[in-house]
Amino acid sequence: MLNPDDLRLVAHLHGGFPLSERPFADVAAQLGWTEDHVIERLKALLARGELTRFGPLFQIERAGGCFVLAALAVPEARFEAVTAQVNRHPEVAHNYRRTHALNMWFVVATESPAQADAVLQQIEDETGLPVHAFPKEREFFVELRLPLQAPLAPLPTTDIPQEVSDGARCL
């Protein structure tokens, strides 16, 4: 559970991070802390897994790159082994389990659509399982801000049916 300082910091950073020469110092000044305290808190949150990522989000397609959401239907007995195979690829940004026929979902991030196609094909060849690719067709801006003043109850897991499309073409 986040302590009050951590809650305050995460809530403060939730909507943005200063673009300046010393952004951590700017955040510290806004919170009445020291720059070292801000950095220390963020490192601790990441080390404990309370934050899984701290960094910018890019529209990679504007630079010619490609993000592809992909999924596999992995037999339970092979799940750990397939996870290791998929995660060995440096292009795999993250990987997570779902309670669905397609029970492993991961994101491939590459410098080009051709590289994404190649990585997805390698994963298919290595695992012997068909890879279902869901390339981004349209950009949506969803600014989800959850209240951070009190612990949140776990969200129910639901399976939302989705159509399966193949091919990693980025638009």
N, C-alpha and C. Protein backbone atom coordinates (compact mmCIF):
# COMPACT_ATOMS: atom_id res chain seq x y z
N MET A 1 0.85 -1.18 0.00
CA MET A 1 0.00 0.00 0.00
C MET A 1 0.90 1.24 0.00
N LEU A 2 0.51 2.22 -0.77
CA LEU A 2 1.29 3.45 -0.87
C LEU A 2 1.16 4.29 0.39
N ASN A 3 2.30 4.84 0.82
CA ASN A 3 2.26 5.75 1.96
C ASN A 3 1.80 7.13 1.46
N PRO A 4 1.48 8.05 2.37
CA PRO A 4 0.96 9.36 1.94
C PRO A 4 1.88 10.12 0.99
N ASP A 5 3.20 10.07 1.21
CA ASP A 5 4.13 10.75 0.29
C ASP A 5 4.06 10.15 -1.11
N ASP A 6 4.02 8.80 -1.16
CA ASP A 6 3.97 8.14 -2.47
C ASP A 6 2.66 8.46 -3.18
N LEU A 7 1.55 8.44 -2.45
CA LEU A 7 0.26 8.80 -3.05
C LEU A 7 0.30 10.21 -3.62
N ARG A 8 0.86 11.12 -2.85
CA ARG A 8 0.93 12.52 -3.28
C ARG A 8 1.79 12.65 -4.54
N LEU A 9 2.93 11.96 -4.56
CA LEU A 9 3.82 12.03 -5.71
C LEU A 9 3.16 11.45 -6.96
N VAL A 10 2.59 10.26 -6.84
CA VAL A 10 1.97 9.62 -8.00
C VAL A 10 0.79 10.46 -8.50
N ALA A 11 -0.02 10.96 -7.59
CA ALA A 11 -1.15 11.80 -7.99
C ALA A 11 -0.65 13.06 -8.71
N HIS A 12 0.44 13.64 -8.23
CA HIS A 12 1.00 14.85 -8.83
C HIS A 12 1.52 14.57 -10.25
N LEU A 13 2.16 13.42 -10.44
CA LEU A 13 2.76 13.09 -11.72
C LEU A 13 1.78 12.46 -12.70
N HIS A 14 0.62 12.09 -12.21
CA HIS A 14 -0.36 11.38 -13.02
C HIS A 14 -0.68 12.09 -14.33
N GLY A 15 -0.74 13.40 -14.31
CA GLY A 15 -1.13 14.12 -15.51
C GLY A 15 0.01 14.68 -16.32
N GLY A 16 1.24 14.46 -15.91
CA GLY A 16 2.34 14.99 -16.71
C GLY A 16 3.62 15.13 -15.92
N PHE A 17 4.68 15.37 -16.64
CA PHE A 17 6.02 15.51 -16.07
C PHE A 17 6.66 16.72 -16.74
N PRO A 18 7.30 17.57 -15.98
CA PRO A 18 7.87 18.78 -16.59
C PRO A 18 8.93 18.47 -17.64
N LEU A 19 8.91 19.21 -18.71
CA LEU A 19 9.96 19.12 -19.72
C LEU A 19 10.90 20.29 -19.49
N SER A 20 11.92 20.02 -18.73
CA SER A 20 12.86 21.08 -18.36
C SER A 20 14.23 20.45 -18.16
N GLU A 21 15.20 21.30 -17.87
CA GLU A 21 16.57 20.83 -17.65
C GLU A 21 16.66 19.94 -16.41
N ARG A 22 15.88 20.26 -15.37
CA ARG A 22 15.90 19.46 -14.13
C ARG A 22 14.46 19.19 -13.68
N PRO A 23 13.79 18.26 -14.37
CA PRO A 23 12.38 18.02 -14.08
C PRO A 23 12.12 17.50 -12.67
N PHE A 24 13.02 16.68 -12.12
CA PHE A 24 12.81 16.17 -10.77
C PHE A 24 12.91 17.31 -9.75
N ALA A 25 13.77 18.27 -10.01
CA ALA A 25 13.88 19.44 -9.13
C ALA A 25 12.60 20.28 -9.23
N ASP A 26 12.05 20.40 -10.43
CA ASP A 26 10.80 21.15 -10.60
C ASP A 26 9.66 20.48 -9.83
N VAL A 27 9.56 19.16 -9.92
CA VAL A 27 8.52 18.42 -9.19
C VAL A 27 8.74 18.62 -7.69
N ALA A 28 9.97 18.52 -7.26
CA ALA A 28 10.29 18.69 -5.84
C ALA A 28 9.86 20.07 -5.35
N ALA A 29 10.14 21.09 -6.13
CA ALA A 29 9.75 22.46 -5.73
C ALA A 29 8.23 22.58 -5.62
N GLN A 30 7.51 21.95 -6.53
CA GLN A 30 6.04 22.01 -6.50
C GLN A 30 5.47 21.29 -5.29
N LEU A 31 6.17 20.25 -4.82
CA LEU A 31 5.69 19.47 -3.68
C LEU A 31 6.30 19.90 -2.34
N GLY A 32 7.28 20.81 -2.40
CA GLY A 32 7.96 21.24 -1.17
C GLY A 32 8.95 20.21 -0.66
N TRP A 33 9.51 19.42 -1.57
CA TRP A 33 10.47 18.37 -1.23
C TRP A 33 11.83 18.72 -1.83
N THR A 34 12.78 17.80 -1.67
CA THR A 34 14.06 17.95 -2.35
C THR A 34 14.05 17.09 -3.61
N GLU A 35 14.92 17.43 -4.53
CA GLU A 35 15.04 16.63 -5.76
C GLU A 35 15.41 15.19 -5.42
N ASP A 36 16.33 15.01 -4.48
CA ASP A 36 16.74 13.66 -4.09
C ASP A 36 15.57 12.85 -3.53
N HIS A 37 14.69 13.52 -2.77
CA HIS A 37 13.53 12.82 -2.19
C HIS A 37 12.60 12.33 -3.30
N VAL A 38 12.36 13.13 -4.32
CA VAL A 38 11.50 12.72 -5.44
C VAL A 38 12.11 11.50 -6.13
N ILE A 39 13.38 11.57 -6.44
CA ILE A 39 14.06 10.46 -7.13
C ILE A 39 14.05 9.21 -6.25
N GLU A 40 14.32 9.38 -4.98
CA GLU A 40 14.33 8.25 -4.03
C GLU A 40 12.95 7.58 -3.97
N ARG A 41 11.88 8.37 -3.90
CA ARG A 41 10.52 7.81 -3.83
C ARG A 41 10.19 7.04 -5.11
N LEU A 42 10.54 7.61 -6.28
CA LEU A 42 10.26 6.92 -7.54
C LEU A 42 11.04 5.61 -7.65
N LYS A 43 12.30 5.63 -7.25
CA LYS A 43 13.10 4.40 -7.27
C LYS A 43 12.49 3.33 -6.36
N ALA A 44 12.03 3.74 -5.19
CA ALA A 44 11.44 2.79 -4.25
C ALA A 44 10.13 2.22 -4.80
N LEU A 45 9.30 3.07 -5.40
CA LEU A 45 8.04 2.59 -5.99
C LEU A 45 8.30 1.58 -7.10
N LEU A 46 9.30 1.83 -7.92
CA LEU A 46 9.65 0.90 -8.99
C LEU A 46 10.23 -0.40 -8.43
N ALA A 47 11.10 -0.27 -7.43
CA ALA A 47 11.73 -1.46 -6.84
C ALA A 47 10.70 -2.38 -6.18
N ARG A 48 9.68 -1.80 -5.57
CA ARG A 48 8.64 -2.60 -4.91
C ARG A 48 7.57 -3.08 -5.88
N GLY A 49 7.63 -2.63 -7.12
CA GLY A 49 6.64 -3.03 -8.11
C GLY A 49 5.33 -2.28 -7.99
N GLU A 50 5.28 -1.24 -7.16
CA GLU A 50 4.06 -0.44 -7.04
C GLU A 50 3.88 0.46 -8.25
N LEU A 51 4.98 0.82 -8.89
CA LEU A 51 4.97 1.40 -10.24
C LEU A 51 5.69 0.37 -11.11
N THR A 52 5.12 0.06 -12.24
CA THR A 52 5.79 -0.89 -13.13
C THR A 52 6.59 -0.18 -14.21
N ARG A 53 6.31 1.09 -14.41
CA ARG A 53 6.99 1.84 -15.44
C ARG A 53 6.93 3.32 -15.10
N PHE A 54 8.02 4.02 -15.39
CA PHE A 54 8.04 5.47 -15.27
C PHE A 54 8.80 5.99 -16.47
N GLY A 55 8.08 6.62 -17.38
CA GLY A 55 8.74 7.13 -18.58
C GLY A 55 7.72 7.67 -19.55
N PRO A 56 8.21 8.21 -20.65
CA PRO A 56 7.31 8.84 -21.62
C PRO A 56 6.56 7.81 -22.46
N LEU A 57 5.46 8.25 -23.01
CA LEU A 57 4.73 7.48 -24.02
C LEU A 57 4.92 8.20 -25.34
N PHE A 58 5.34 7.47 -26.34
CA PHE A 58 5.60 8.06 -27.65
C PHE A 58 4.60 7.57 -28.68
N GLN A 59 4.31 8.39 -29.65
CA GLN A 59 3.58 7.95 -30.83
C GLN A 59 4.64 7.47 -31.82
N ILE A 60 5.03 6.22 -31.62
CA ILE A 60 6.17 5.66 -32.33
C ILE A 60 5.99 5.67 -33.85
N GLU A 61 4.74 5.60 -34.31
CA GLU A 61 4.49 5.59 -35.75
C GLU A 61 4.95 6.88 -36.42
N ARG A 62 4.93 7.98 -35.69
CA ARG A 62 5.38 9.26 -36.27
C ARG A 62 6.87 9.23 -36.60
N ALA A 63 7.61 8.33 -35.94
CA ALA A 63 9.04 8.19 -36.20
C ALA A 63 9.31 6.99 -37.11
N GLY A 64 8.25 6.40 -37.67
CA GLY A 64 8.42 5.26 -38.56
C GLY A 64 8.35 3.92 -37.86
N GLY A 65 8.19 3.93 -36.54
CA GLY A 65 8.17 2.69 -35.77
C GLY A 65 6.81 2.04 -35.75
N CYS A 66 6.69 0.99 -34.94
CA CYS A 66 5.48 0.20 -34.96
C CYS A 66 5.26 -0.46 -33.59
N PHE A 67 4.04 -0.38 -33.09
CA PHE A 67 3.59 -1.15 -31.92
C PHE A 67 2.52 -2.11 -32.41
N VAL A 68 2.60 -3.37 -31.99
CA VAL A 68 1.58 -4.34 -32.34
C VAL A 68 1.20 -5.10 -31.07
N LEU A 69 -0.09 -5.12 -30.78
CA LEU A 69 -0.62 -5.97 -29.72
C LEU A 69 -0.79 -7.35 -30.32
N ALA A 70 -0.30 -8.38 -29.63
CA ALA A 70 -0.38 -9.74 -30.16
C ALA A 70 -0.85 -10.68 -29.06
N ALA A 71 -1.39 -11.82 -29.49
CA ALA A 71 -1.91 -12.78 -28.53
C ALA A 71 -1.62 -14.20 -28.99
N LEU A 72 -1.52 -15.08 -28.00
CA LEU A 72 -1.32 -16.51 -28.23
C LEU A 72 -2.32 -17.30 -27.39
N ALA A 73 -2.71 -18.46 -27.89
CA ALA A 73 -3.47 -19.42 -27.09
C ALA A 73 -2.44 -20.46 -26.64
N VAL A 74 -2.01 -20.36 -25.39
CA VAL A 74 -0.92 -21.19 -24.88
C VAL A 74 -1.48 -22.30 -23.99
N PRO A 75 -1.15 -23.56 -24.29
CA PRO A 75 -1.57 -24.63 -23.37
C PRO A 75 -0.98 -24.38 -21.98
N GLU A 76 -1.79 -24.58 -20.97
CA GLU A 76 -1.38 -24.27 -19.59
C GLU A 76 -0.05 -24.94 -19.22
N ALA A 77 0.14 -26.16 -19.66
CA ALA A 77 1.37 -26.89 -19.31
C ALA A 77 2.61 -26.24 -19.91
N ARG A 78 2.45 -25.44 -20.95
CA ARG A 78 3.58 -24.78 -21.61
C ARG A 78 3.69 -23.30 -21.28
N PHE A 79 2.80 -22.78 -20.45
CA PHE A 79 2.71 -21.33 -20.27
C PHE A 79 4.04 -20.71 -19.84
N GLU A 80 4.68 -21.27 -18.83
CA GLU A 80 5.96 -20.69 -18.35
C GLU A 80 7.03 -20.74 -19.43
N ALA A 81 7.13 -21.85 -20.13
CA ALA A 81 8.16 -21.99 -21.17
C ALA A 81 7.91 -21.01 -22.31
N VAL A 82 6.66 -20.87 -22.73
CA VAL A 82 6.33 -19.95 -23.82
C VAL A 82 6.56 -18.51 -23.37
N THR A 83 6.23 -18.20 -22.11
CA THR A 83 6.50 -16.86 -21.58
C THR A 83 7.98 -16.53 -21.71
N ALA A 84 8.83 -17.48 -21.34
CA ALA A 84 10.28 -17.26 -21.44
C ALA A 84 10.70 -17.06 -22.90
N GLN A 85 10.13 -17.85 -23.81
CA GLN A 85 10.47 -17.70 -25.23
C GLN A 85 10.07 -16.31 -25.75
N VAL A 86 8.86 -15.89 -25.43
CA VAL A 86 8.38 -14.60 -25.90
C VAL A 86 9.20 -13.47 -25.29
N ASN A 87 9.43 -13.54 -23.99
CA ASN A 87 10.12 -12.45 -23.29
C ASN A 87 11.60 -12.34 -23.63
N ARG A 88 12.17 -13.37 -24.27
CA ARG A 88 13.57 -13.29 -24.71
C ARG A 88 13.77 -12.27 -25.82
N HIS A 89 12.70 -11.90 -26.47
CA HIS A 89 12.79 -10.93 -27.57
C HIS A 89 12.82 -9.52 -26.99
N PRO A 90 13.88 -8.77 -27.25
CA PRO A 90 13.95 -7.41 -26.71
C PRO A 90 12.84 -6.50 -27.23
N GLU A 91 12.22 -6.87 -28.33
CA GLU A 91 11.14 -6.06 -28.90
C GLU A 91 9.83 -6.21 -28.14
N VAL A 92 9.74 -7.20 -27.25
CA VAL A 92 8.52 -7.41 -26.48
C VAL A 92 8.52 -6.42 -25.32
N ALA A 93 7.59 -5.46 -25.41
CA ALA A 93 7.54 -4.39 -24.41
C ALA A 93 6.95 -4.87 -23.10
N HIS A 94 5.90 -5.66 -23.15
CA HIS A 94 5.32 -6.26 -21.95
C HIS A 94 4.46 -7.44 -22.35
N ASN A 95 4.20 -8.29 -21.38
CA ASN A 95 3.53 -9.55 -21.63
C ASN A 95 2.63 -9.85 -20.43
N TYR A 96 1.40 -10.24 -20.66
CA TYR A 96 0.52 -10.51 -19.52
C TYR A 96 -0.45 -11.64 -19.85
N ARG A 97 -0.95 -12.28 -18.79
CA ARG A 97 -1.86 -13.42 -18.88
C ARG A 97 -3.31 -12.92 -18.81
N ARG A 98 -4.17 -13.55 -19.60
CA ARG A 98 -5.60 -13.25 -19.58
C ARG A 98 -6.37 -14.55 -19.37
N THR A 99 -7.54 -14.45 -18.79
CA THR A 99 -8.43 -15.60 -18.69
C THR A 99 -9.33 -15.57 -19.92
N HIS A 100 -8.84 -16.14 -20.99
CA HIS A 100 -9.48 -16.09 -22.29
C HIS A 100 -8.85 -17.20 -23.12
N ALA A 101 -9.49 -17.58 -24.21
CA ALA A 101 -8.87 -18.58 -25.09
C ALA A 101 -7.48 -18.10 -25.54
N LEU A 102 -7.38 -16.81 -25.86
CA LEU A 102 -6.07 -16.20 -26.13
C LEU A 102 -5.56 -15.72 -24.77
N ASN A 103 -4.77 -16.57 -24.12
CA ASN A 103 -4.42 -16.32 -22.71
C ASN A 103 -3.10 -15.60 -22.51
N MET A 104 -2.32 -15.36 -23.55
CA MET A 104 -1.09 -14.58 -23.42
C MET A 104 -1.15 -13.41 -24.40
N TRP A 105 -1.02 -12.20 -23.87
CA TRP A 105 -1.05 -10.98 -24.67
C TRP A 105 0.26 -10.24 -24.46
N PHE A 106 0.82 -9.72 -25.53
CA PHE A 106 2.08 -8.98 -25.43
C PHE A 106 2.13 -7.90 -26.49
N VAL A 107 3.00 -6.93 -26.28
CA VAL A 107 3.17 -5.83 -27.22
C VAL A 107 4.57 -5.92 -27.81
N VAL A 108 4.64 -5.84 -29.12
CA VAL A 108 5.91 -5.80 -29.84
C VAL A 108 6.13 -4.36 -30.30
N ALA A 109 7.29 -3.82 -29.97
CA ALA A 109 7.65 -2.45 -30.36
C ALA A 109 8.92 -2.52 -31.21
N THR A 110 8.83 -2.02 -32.44
CA THR A 110 9.96 -2.10 -33.36
C THR A 110 10.14 -0.78 -34.10
N GLU A 111 11.24 -0.71 -34.82
CA GLU A 111 11.54 0.49 -35.60
C GLU A 111 10.79 0.54 -36.92
N SER A 112 10.23 -0.59 -37.34
CA SER A 112 9.50 -0.60 -38.61
C SER A 112 8.45 -1.71 -38.60
N PRO A 113 7.43 -1.59 -39.44
CA PRO A 113 6.46 -2.67 -39.57
C PRO A 113 7.10 -3.99 -40.00
N ALA A 114 8.10 -3.93 -40.88
CA ALA A 114 8.76 -5.15 -41.34
C ALA A 114 9.44 -5.87 -40.17
N GLN A 115 10.05 -5.12 -39.27
CA GLN A 115 10.66 -5.74 -38.09
C GLN A 115 9.60 -6.37 -37.19
N ALA A 116 8.47 -5.73 -37.03
CA ALA A 116 7.38 -6.30 -36.23
C ALA A 116 6.93 -7.62 -36.84
N ASP A 117 6.74 -7.64 -38.16
CA ASP A 117 6.35 -8.87 -38.85
C ASP A 117 7.38 -9.97 -38.57
N ALA A 118 8.65 -9.63 -38.66
CA ALA A 118 9.72 -10.62 -38.46
C ALA A 118 9.72 -11.16 -37.03
N VAL A 119 9.55 -10.29 -36.05
CA VAL A 119 9.55 -10.74 -34.65
C VAL A 119 8.35 -11.64 -34.38
N LEU A 120 7.19 -11.25 -34.87
CA LEU A 120 6.00 -12.08 -34.67
C LEU A 120 6.16 -13.43 -35.34
N GLN A 121 6.78 -13.46 -36.51
CA GLN A 121 7.03 -14.74 -37.19
C GLN A 121 8.02 -15.59 -36.40
N GLN A 122 9.06 -14.96 -35.85
CA GLN A 122 10.04 -15.70 -35.03
C GLN A 122 9.35 -16.33 -33.82
N ILE A 123 8.49 -15.55 -33.17
CA ILE A 123 7.77 -16.07 -31.99
C ILE A 123 6.88 -17.24 -32.39
N GLU A 124 6.22 -17.12 -33.52
CA GLU A 124 5.38 -18.21 -34.00
C GLU A 124 6.22 -19.45 -34.30
N ASP A 125 7.36 -19.26 -34.96
CA ASP A 125 8.24 -20.38 -35.28
C ASP A 125 8.81 -21.03 -34.02
N GLU A 126 9.23 -20.22 -33.06
CA GLU A 126 9.85 -20.74 -31.83
C GLU A 126 8.85 -21.48 -30.95
N THR A 127 7.64 -20.95 -30.86
CA THR A 127 6.65 -21.55 -29.96
C THR A 127 5.82 -22.64 -30.63
N GLY A 128 5.74 -22.59 -31.96
CA GLY A 128 4.88 -23.51 -32.68
C GLY A 128 3.40 -23.16 -32.53
N LEU A 129 3.12 -21.97 -32.05
CA LEU A 129 1.74 -21.52 -31.83
C LEU A 129 1.43 -20.35 -32.75
N PRO A 130 0.20 -20.29 -33.28
CA PRO A 130 -0.15 -19.14 -34.13
C PRO A 130 -0.19 -17.85 -33.31
N VAL A 131 0.43 -16.83 -33.85
CA VAL A 131 0.42 -15.50 -33.23
C VAL A 131 -0.69 -14.70 -33.90
N HIS A 132 -1.57 -14.14 -33.10
CA HIS A 132 -2.64 -13.28 -33.60
C HIS A 132 -2.23 -11.84 -33.36
N ALA A 133 -2.13 -11.07 -34.43
CA ALA A 133 -1.67 -9.68 -34.33
C ALA A 133 -2.85 -8.72 -34.44
N PHE A 134 -2.81 -7.71 -33.60
CA PHE A 134 -3.85 -6.68 -33.58
C PHE A 134 -3.17 -5.32 -33.76
N PRO A 135 -2.84 -4.98 -35.01
CA PRO A 135 -2.17 -3.70 -35.22
C PRO A 135 -3.11 -2.54 -34.92
N LYS A 136 -2.51 -1.44 -34.49
CA LYS A 136 -3.31 -0.25 -34.20
C LYS A 136 -3.90 0.29 -35.50
N GLU A 137 -5.20 0.45 -35.49
CA GLU A 137 -5.87 1.01 -36.65
C GLU A 137 -6.17 2.49 -36.48
N ARG A 138 -6.35 2.89 -35.24
CA ARG A 138 -6.71 4.27 -34.95
C ARG A 138 -6.18 4.64 -33.57
N GLU A 139 -5.76 5.86 -33.40
CA GLU A 139 -5.24 6.36 -32.12
C GLU A 139 -6.40 6.91 -31.30
N PHE A 140 -6.46 6.51 -30.05
CA PHE A 140 -7.44 7.06 -29.12
C PHE A 140 -6.69 7.68 -27.95
N PHE A 141 -7.11 8.83 -27.53
CA PHE A 141 -6.53 9.44 -26.33
C PHE A 141 -7.52 9.22 -25.19
N VAL A 142 -7.12 8.41 -24.24
CA VAL A 142 -7.95 8.12 -23.08
C VAL A 142 -7.14 8.53 -21.86
N GLU A 143 -7.50 9.63 -21.28
CA GLU A 143 -6.77 10.09 -20.10
C GLU A 143 -7.50 9.58 -18.86
N LEU A 144 -7.10 8.41 -18.44
CA LEU A 144 -7.71 7.77 -17.29
C LEU A 144 -6.98 8.23 -16.03
N ARG A 145 -7.68 8.93 -15.18
CA ARG A 145 -7.10 9.36 -13.91
C ARG A 145 -7.93 8.76 -12.79
N LEU A 146 -7.32 7.85 -12.07
CA LEU A 146 -8.01 7.20 -10.96
C LEU A 146 -7.71 7.95 -9.67
N PRO A 147 -8.66 8.01 -8.76
CA PRO A 147 -8.39 8.68 -7.49
C PRO A 147 -7.33 7.90 -6.72
N LEU A 148 -6.36 8.61 -6.19
CA LEU A 148 -5.25 7.96 -5.51
C LEU A 148 -5.20 8.28 -4.02
N GLN A 149 -6.27 8.78 -3.46
CA GLN A 149 -6.27 9.14 -2.05
C GLN A 149 -6.52 7.93 -1.14
N ALA A 150 -7.14 6.89 -1.64
CA ALA A 150 -7.45 5.72 -0.84
C ALA A 150 -7.13 4.48 -1.64
N PRO A 151 -6.88 3.35 -0.96
CA PRO A 151 -6.59 2.12 -1.70
C PRO A 151 -7.76 1.77 -2.62
N LEU A 152 -7.43 1.27 -3.78
CA LEU A 152 -8.44 0.88 -4.75
C LEU A 152 -8.77 -0.59 -4.59
N ALA A 153 -10.04 -0.93 -4.74
CA ALA A 153 -10.45 -2.33 -4.72
C ALA A 153 -10.00 -2.97 -6.02
N PRO A 154 -9.69 -4.26 -5.98
CA PRO A 154 -9.31 -4.92 -7.24
C PRO A 154 -10.45 -4.85 -8.24
N LEU A 155 -10.09 -4.67 -9.51
CA LEU A 155 -11.08 -4.63 -10.58
C LEU A 155 -11.49 -6.04 -10.94
N PRO A 156 -12.77 -6.25 -11.26
CA PRO A 156 -13.18 -7.58 -11.71
C PRO A 156 -12.56 -7.86 -13.07
N THR A 157 -12.25 -9.12 -13.32
CA THR A 157 -11.71 -9.47 -14.63
C THR A 157 -12.85 -9.95 -15.49
N THR A 158 -12.95 -9.37 -16.67
CA THR A 158 -13.98 -9.79 -17.62
C THR A 158 -13.30 -10.04 -18.93
N ASP A 159 -13.87 -10.92 -19.67
CA ASP A 159 -13.33 -11.22 -20.99
C ASP A 159 -14.22 -10.55 -22.02
N ILE A 160 -13.66 -9.67 -22.77
CA ILE A 160 -14.38 -8.95 -23.80
C ILE A 160 -14.04 -9.61 -25.13
N PRO A 161 -15.02 -10.17 -25.82
CA PRO A 161 -14.70 -10.82 -27.09
C PRO A 161 -14.13 -9.81 -28.07
N GLN A 162 -13.11 -10.23 -28.78
CA GLN A 162 -12.50 -9.37 -29.78
C GLN A 162 -12.27 -10.19 -31.03
N GLU A 163 -12.39 -9.55 -32.18
CA GLU A 163 -12.10 -10.25 -33.41
C GLU A 163 -10.61 -10.41 -33.56
N VAL A 164 -10.21 -11.51 -34.10
CA VAL A 164 -8.80 -11.80 -34.33
C VAL A 164 -8.46 -11.40 -35.75
N SER A 165 -7.39 -10.62 -35.87
CA SER A 165 -6.90 -10.29 -37.21
C SER A 165 -5.44 -10.70 -37.27
N ASP A 166 -4.96 -11.01 -38.43
CA ASP A 166 -3.56 -11.43 -38.58
C ASP A 166 -2.80 -10.38 -39.35
N GLY A 167 -1.50 -10.36 -39.12
CA GLY A 167 -0.63 -9.42 -39.82
C GLY A 167 -0.29 -8.26 -38.92
N ALA A 168 0.96 -7.83 -38.96
CA ALA A 168 1.43 -6.80 -38.06
C ALA A 168 1.50 -5.43 -38.71
N ARG A 169 0.83 -5.23 -39.82
CA ARG A 169 0.92 -3.95 -40.51
C ARG A 169 0.53 -2.80 -39.60
N CYS A 170 1.38 -1.84 -39.49
CA CYS A 170 1.10 -0.64 -38.73
C CYS A 170 0.57 0.41 -39.68
N LEU A 171 -0.36 1.18 -39.20
CA LEU A 171 -0.95 2.20 -40.07
C LEU A 171 -0.39 3.56 -39.74
